[in-house]
Amino acid sequence: MSDEYEYQQEVEELEGKSATAARLFDVRRIIGGLFVVYGILVTIAGITASDADLKKAENININLWTGLSMLVVGLLFLLWLRLRPTAAPHTAEPRQEGPGPVPRRDTDES
């Protein structure tokens, strides 16, 4: 009976790790993080733009505006993730308290 209880505990632990991994690798987190990182880099490039660079773009600091917009988009993705987190996967069977009967599979080789 203790082997069945240990097996059930191991399954529950793996389900918890799976839910944590699903939240960690949520697409919104990856996209938002990349937009924020690239937005910071492009904003810095826009802040340090020379007069020659601005003259090429008809006195519009494209890097600055693009970087700021990328920062806003990335922060919106991260805010969306914060406000609507990924739901944990639901199991079909209700959980039992403590060790209980586990359905057996008959392994007849006939």
N, C-alpha and C. Protein backbone atom coordinates (compact mmCIF):
# COMPACT_ATOMS: atom_id res chain seq x y z
N MET A 1 0.82 -1.18 0.00
CA MET A 1 0.00 0.00 0.00
C MET A 1 0.87 1.25 0.00
N SER A 2 2.04 1.20 0.65
CA SER A 2 2.90 2.38 0.70
C SER A 2 3.51 2.68 -0.67
N ASP A 3 3.73 1.64 -1.48
CA ASP A 3 4.25 1.87 -2.83
C ASP A 3 3.25 2.66 -3.67
N GLU A 4 1.97 2.35 -3.51
CA GLU A 4 0.95 3.07 -4.26
C GLU A 4 0.86 4.52 -3.81
N TYR A 5 1.00 4.75 -2.51
CA TYR A 5 0.96 6.11 -1.97
C TYR A 5 2.15 6.92 -2.47
N GLU A 6 3.34 6.31 -2.48
CA GLU A 6 4.55 6.99 -2.98
C GLU A 6 4.40 7.32 -4.46
N TYR A 7 3.83 6.38 -5.22
CA TYR A 7 3.60 6.61 -6.65
C TYR A 7 2.65 7.78 -6.85
N GLN A 8 1.59 7.84 -6.05
CA GLN A 8 0.63 8.94 -6.16
C GLN A 8 1.29 10.27 -5.80
N GLN A 9 2.13 10.28 -4.77
CA GLN A 9 2.84 11.49 -4.38
C GLN A 9 3.77 11.96 -5.50
N GLU A 10 4.45 11.01 -6.16
CA GLU A 10 5.36 11.35 -7.25
C GLU A 10 4.60 11.93 -8.44
N VAL A 11 3.44 11.37 -8.74
CA VAL A 11 2.62 11.88 -9.84
C VAL A 11 2.16 13.30 -9.54
N GLU A 12 1.73 13.55 -8.31
CA GLU A 12 1.28 14.90 -7.93
C GLU A 12 2.42 15.90 -8.01
N GLU A 13 3.62 15.47 -7.62
CA GLU A 13 4.79 16.35 -7.70
C GLU A 13 5.12 16.69 -9.14
N LEU A 14 5.06 15.70 -10.03
CA LEU A 14 5.34 15.95 -11.44
C LEU A 14 4.27 16.85 -12.07
N GLU A 15 3.02 16.70 -11.66
CA GLU A 15 1.97 17.58 -12.17
C GLU A 15 2.22 19.02 -11.74
N GLY A 16 2.68 19.21 -10.52
CA GLY A 16 3.00 20.56 -10.04
C GLY A 16 4.14 21.17 -10.82
N LYS A 17 5.19 20.36 -11.09
CA LYS A 17 6.32 20.86 -11.87
C LYS A 17 5.88 21.19 -13.29
N SER A 18 4.98 20.40 -13.86
CA SER A 18 4.50 20.65 -15.22
C SER A 18 3.73 21.96 -15.29
N ALA A 19 2.91 22.24 -14.29
CA ALA A 19 2.15 23.49 -14.27
C ALA A 19 3.09 24.67 -14.13
N THR A 20 4.14 24.52 -13.31
CA THR A 20 5.12 25.60 -13.14
C THR A 20 5.87 25.84 -14.44
N ALA A 21 6.25 24.78 -15.15
CA ALA A 21 6.95 24.93 -16.43
C ALA A 21 6.05 25.58 -17.47
N ALA A 22 4.77 25.26 -17.45
CA ALA A 22 3.83 25.87 -18.41
C ALA A 22 3.73 27.37 -18.16
N ARG A 23 3.71 27.77 -16.89
CA ARG A 23 3.65 29.20 -16.59
C ARG A 23 4.96 29.89 -16.93
N LEU A 24 6.08 29.21 -16.69
CA LEU A 24 7.39 29.81 -16.93
C LEU A 24 7.62 30.06 -18.41
N PHE A 25 7.20 29.14 -19.27
CA PHE A 25 7.44 29.27 -20.70
C PHE A 25 6.20 29.75 -21.44
N ASP A 26 5.41 30.57 -20.80
CA ASP A 26 4.25 31.18 -21.45
C ASP A 26 4.75 32.10 -22.56
N VAL A 27 4.12 32.05 -23.71
CA VAL A 27 4.56 32.82 -24.87
C VAL A 27 4.52 34.32 -24.59
N ARG A 28 3.56 34.76 -23.80
CA ARG A 28 3.46 36.18 -23.48
C ARG A 28 4.69 36.66 -22.72
N ARG A 29 5.22 35.82 -21.84
CA ARG A 29 6.42 36.19 -21.07
C ARG A 29 7.63 36.31 -22.00
N ILE A 30 7.77 35.38 -22.92
CA ILE A 30 8.91 35.39 -23.83
C ILE A 30 8.83 36.59 -24.78
N ILE A 31 7.67 36.80 -25.38
CA ILE A 31 7.51 37.92 -26.32
C ILE A 31 7.67 39.25 -25.60
N GLY A 32 7.03 39.39 -24.45
CA GLY A 32 7.13 40.63 -23.68
C GLY A 32 8.56 40.91 -23.24
N GLY A 33 9.26 39.88 -22.78
CA GLY A 33 10.65 40.06 -22.37
C GLY A 33 11.55 40.48 -23.51
N LEU A 34 11.36 39.85 -24.67
CA LEU A 34 12.19 40.21 -25.83
C LEU A 34 11.91 41.64 -26.29
N PHE A 35 10.63 42.02 -26.32
CA PHE A 35 10.30 43.39 -26.71
C PHE A 35 10.90 44.40 -25.75
N VAL A 36 10.88 44.11 -24.45
CA VAL A 36 11.45 45.04 -23.47
C VAL A 36 12.96 45.15 -23.66
N VAL A 37 13.65 44.01 -23.83
CA VAL A 37 15.11 44.04 -23.99
C VAL A 37 15.49 44.79 -25.26
N TYR A 38 14.87 44.44 -26.39
CA TYR A 38 15.19 45.12 -27.64
C TYR A 38 14.74 46.59 -27.61
N GLY A 39 13.63 46.87 -26.93
CA GLY A 39 13.18 48.25 -26.80
C GLY A 39 14.19 49.10 -26.05
N ILE A 40 14.78 48.55 -25.00
CA ILE A 40 15.82 49.27 -24.26
C ILE A 40 17.02 49.55 -25.16
N LEU A 41 17.45 48.53 -25.90
CA LEU A 41 18.62 48.70 -26.78
C LEU A 41 18.37 49.75 -27.86
N VAL A 42 17.20 49.69 -28.49
CA VAL A 42 16.89 50.63 -29.57
C VAL A 42 16.68 52.04 -29.01
N THR A 43 16.10 52.15 -27.82
CA THR A 43 15.94 53.46 -27.19
C THR A 43 17.29 54.08 -26.88
N ILE A 44 18.22 53.29 -26.38
CA ILE A 44 19.58 53.80 -26.13
C ILE A 44 20.22 54.26 -27.43
N ALA A 45 20.02 53.49 -28.50
CA ALA A 45 20.55 53.90 -29.81
C ALA A 45 19.91 55.21 -30.26
N GLY A 46 18.64 55.42 -29.94
CA GLY A 46 17.97 56.65 -30.32
C GLY A 46 18.43 57.84 -29.50
N ILE A 47 18.71 57.61 -28.22
CA ILE A 47 19.19 58.70 -27.35
C ILE A 47 20.58 59.15 -27.77
N THR A 48 21.41 58.22 -28.19
CA THR A 48 22.79 58.54 -28.56
C THR A 48 22.96 58.82 -30.05
N ALA A 49 21.86 59.06 -30.76
CA ALA A 49 21.95 59.31 -32.21
C ALA A 49 22.67 60.63 -32.48
N SER A 50 23.47 60.62 -33.53
CA SER A 50 24.20 61.84 -33.90
C SER A 50 23.34 62.72 -34.80
N ASP A 51 23.82 63.93 -35.02
CA ASP A 51 23.09 64.85 -35.91
C ASP A 51 23.05 64.32 -37.34
N ALA A 52 24.11 63.62 -37.75
CA ALA A 52 24.14 63.05 -39.11
C ALA A 52 23.07 61.98 -39.27
N ASP A 53 22.88 61.16 -38.21
CA ASP A 53 21.84 60.13 -38.26
C ASP A 53 20.46 60.76 -38.34
N LEU A 54 20.24 61.81 -37.59
CA LEU A 54 18.94 62.49 -37.62
C LEU A 54 18.69 63.15 -38.98
N LYS A 55 19.75 63.68 -39.57
CA LYS A 55 19.61 64.33 -40.87
C LYS A 55 19.21 63.31 -41.95
N LYS A 56 19.75 62.08 -41.85
CA LYS A 56 19.40 61.03 -42.81
C LYS A 56 17.91 60.68 -42.73
N ALA A 57 17.34 60.79 -41.54
CA ALA A 57 15.94 60.42 -41.33
C ALA A 57 15.03 61.63 -41.31
N GLU A 58 15.43 62.72 -41.93
CA GLU A 58 14.65 63.94 -42.02
C GLU A 58 14.28 64.48 -40.64
N ASN A 59 15.26 64.49 -39.75
CA ASN A 59 15.14 65.01 -38.38
C ASN A 59 14.07 64.32 -37.53
N ILE A 60 13.83 63.06 -37.83
CA ILE A 60 12.94 62.25 -36.99
C ILE A 60 13.81 61.18 -36.34
N ASN A 61 13.78 61.12 -35.04
CA ASN A 61 14.58 60.14 -34.32
C ASN A 61 13.84 58.80 -34.33
N ILE A 62 14.01 58.04 -35.39
CA ILE A 62 13.28 56.79 -35.60
C ILE A 62 13.62 55.78 -34.52
N ASN A 63 14.90 55.67 -34.18
CA ASN A 63 15.30 54.70 -33.16
C ASN A 63 14.65 55.00 -31.81
N LEU A 64 14.57 56.25 -31.45
CA LEU A 64 13.97 56.61 -30.17
C LEU A 64 12.49 56.25 -30.14
N TRP A 65 11.74 56.62 -31.17
CA TRP A 65 10.31 56.33 -31.21
C TRP A 65 10.03 54.84 -31.33
N THR A 66 10.84 54.14 -32.11
CA THR A 66 10.66 52.69 -32.25
C THR A 66 10.98 51.99 -30.93
N GLY A 67 12.05 52.41 -30.28
CA GLY A 67 12.43 51.81 -29.00
C GLY A 67 11.38 52.03 -27.93
N LEU A 68 10.84 53.25 -27.87
CA LEU A 68 9.80 53.53 -26.88
C LEU A 68 8.53 52.73 -27.16
N SER A 69 8.18 52.59 -28.43
CA SER A 69 6.98 51.81 -28.76
C SER A 69 7.21 50.32 -28.46
N MET A 70 8.41 49.83 -28.68
CA MET A 70 8.71 48.44 -28.35
C MET A 70 8.64 48.22 -26.84
N LEU A 71 9.10 49.19 -26.07
CA LEU A 71 8.99 49.09 -24.62
C LEU A 71 7.54 49.03 -24.17
N VAL A 72 6.70 49.87 -24.77
CA VAL A 72 5.28 49.88 -24.41
C VAL A 72 4.64 48.54 -24.75
N VAL A 73 4.91 48.01 -25.93
CA VAL A 73 4.33 46.72 -26.34
C VAL A 73 4.80 45.61 -25.40
N GLY A 74 6.09 45.59 -25.09
CA GLY A 74 6.61 44.56 -24.19
C GLY A 74 6.00 44.65 -22.81
N LEU A 75 5.86 45.86 -22.29
CA LEU A 75 5.25 46.04 -20.98
C LEU A 75 3.77 45.66 -20.98
N LEU A 76 3.08 45.91 -22.10
CA LEU A 76 1.69 45.48 -22.21
C LEU A 76 1.56 43.96 -22.19
N PHE A 77 2.47 43.26 -22.85
CA PHE A 77 2.46 41.80 -22.82
C PHE A 77 2.69 41.30 -21.39
N LEU A 78 3.64 41.90 -20.68
CA LEU A 78 3.93 41.47 -19.32
C LEU A 78 2.78 41.82 -18.38
N LEU A 79 2.12 42.94 -18.60
CA LEU A 79 0.96 43.32 -17.81
C LEU A 79 -0.19 42.34 -18.06
N TRP A 80 -0.38 41.95 -19.31
CA TRP A 80 -1.40 40.97 -19.67
C TRP A 80 -1.13 39.65 -18.95
N LEU A 81 0.12 39.23 -18.92
CA LEU A 81 0.50 38.00 -18.24
C LEU A 81 0.21 38.12 -16.75
N ARG A 82 0.47 39.28 -16.18
CA ARG A 82 0.25 39.49 -14.75
C ARG A 82 -1.24 39.49 -14.40
N LEU A 83 -2.07 40.12 -15.26
CA LEU A 83 -3.49 40.21 -14.98
C LEU A 83 -4.26 38.94 -15.30
N ARG A 84 -3.82 38.18 -16.30
CA ARG A 84 -4.49 36.94 -16.69
C ARG A 84 -3.49 35.80 -16.73
N PRO A 85 -3.07 35.28 -15.56
CA PRO A 85 -2.08 34.20 -15.56
C PRO A 85 -2.64 32.91 -16.16
N THR A 86 -1.74 32.05 -16.55
CA THR A 86 -2.12 30.76 -17.13
C THR A 86 -2.77 29.90 -16.06
N ALA A 87 -3.89 29.31 -16.38
CA ALA A 87 -4.59 28.44 -15.42
C ALA A 87 -3.87 27.11 -15.31
N ALA A 88 -3.90 26.54 -14.13
CA ALA A 88 -3.29 25.23 -13.92
C ALA A 88 -4.13 24.18 -14.64
N PRO A 89 -3.50 23.15 -15.18
CA PRO A 89 -4.27 22.10 -15.87
C PRO A 89 -5.16 21.36 -14.87
N HIS A 90 -6.36 21.04 -15.32
CA HIS A 90 -7.32 20.34 -14.47
C HIS A 90 -7.22 18.84 -14.70
N THR A 91 -7.41 18.08 -13.65
CA THR A 91 -7.42 16.63 -13.78
C THR A 91 -8.85 16.15 -13.88
N ALA A 92 -9.06 15.03 -14.52
CA ALA A 92 -10.40 14.52 -14.74
C ALA A 92 -10.97 13.87 -13.48
N GLU A 93 -10.12 13.29 -12.64
CA GLU A 93 -10.58 12.59 -11.45
C GLU A 93 -10.39 13.45 -10.22
N PRO A 94 -11.32 13.41 -9.26
CA PRO A 94 -11.11 14.14 -8.01
C PRO A 94 -10.00 13.49 -7.18
N ARG A 95 -9.31 14.28 -6.43
CA ARG A 95 -8.21 13.79 -5.59
C ARG A 95 -8.75 13.12 -4.35
N GLN A 96 -8.02 12.12 -3.87
CA GLN A 96 -8.37 11.45 -2.63
C GLN A 96 -7.39 11.87 -1.55
N GLU A 97 -7.87 11.89 -0.32
CA GLU A 97 -7.00 12.21 0.80
C GLU A 97 -6.29 10.94 1.24
N GLY A 98 -4.98 11.01 1.37
CA GLY A 98 -4.20 9.89 1.88
C GLY A 98 -4.16 8.72 0.92
N PRO A 99 -3.58 7.61 1.39
CA PRO A 99 -3.51 6.43 0.52
C PRO A 99 -4.89 5.81 0.36
N GLY A 100 -5.19 5.48 -0.82
CA GLY A 100 -6.49 4.89 -1.12
C GLY A 100 -6.33 3.82 -2.17
N PRO A 101 -7.41 3.19 -2.53
CA PRO A 101 -7.32 2.14 -3.54
C PRO A 101 -6.95 2.72 -4.91
N VAL A 102 -6.06 2.06 -5.56
CA VAL A 102 -5.62 2.46 -6.89
C VAL A 102 -6.10 1.39 -7.86
N PRO A 103 -6.74 1.78 -8.95
CA PRO A 103 -7.23 0.76 -9.90
C PRO A 103 -6.07 -0.07 -10.43
N ARG A 104 -6.29 -1.37 -10.49
CA ARG A 104 -5.26 -2.28 -10.99
C ARG A 104 -5.52 -2.61 -12.44
N ARG A 105 -4.43 -2.81 -13.14
CA ARG A 105 -4.54 -3.31 -14.51
C ARG A 105 -4.23 -4.79 -14.49
N ASP A 106 -5.10 -5.55 -15.06
CA ASP A 106 -4.84 -6.98 -15.15
C ASP A 106 -3.93 -7.22 -16.33
N THR A 107 -2.88 -7.96 -16.07
CA THR A 107 -1.89 -8.23 -17.13
C THR A 107 -1.94 -9.70 -17.50
N ASP A 108 -3.06 -10.08 -18.04
CA ASP A 108 -3.17 -11.47 -18.52
C ASP A 108 -2.47 -11.59 -19.85
N GLU A 109 -1.68 -12.60 -19.97
CA GLU A 109 -0.96 -12.81 -21.23
C GLU A 109 -1.60 -13.92 -22.03
N SER A 110 -2.89 -14.05 -21.96
CA SER A 110 -3.54 -15.09 -22.73
C SER A 110 -4.14 -14.59 -23.98
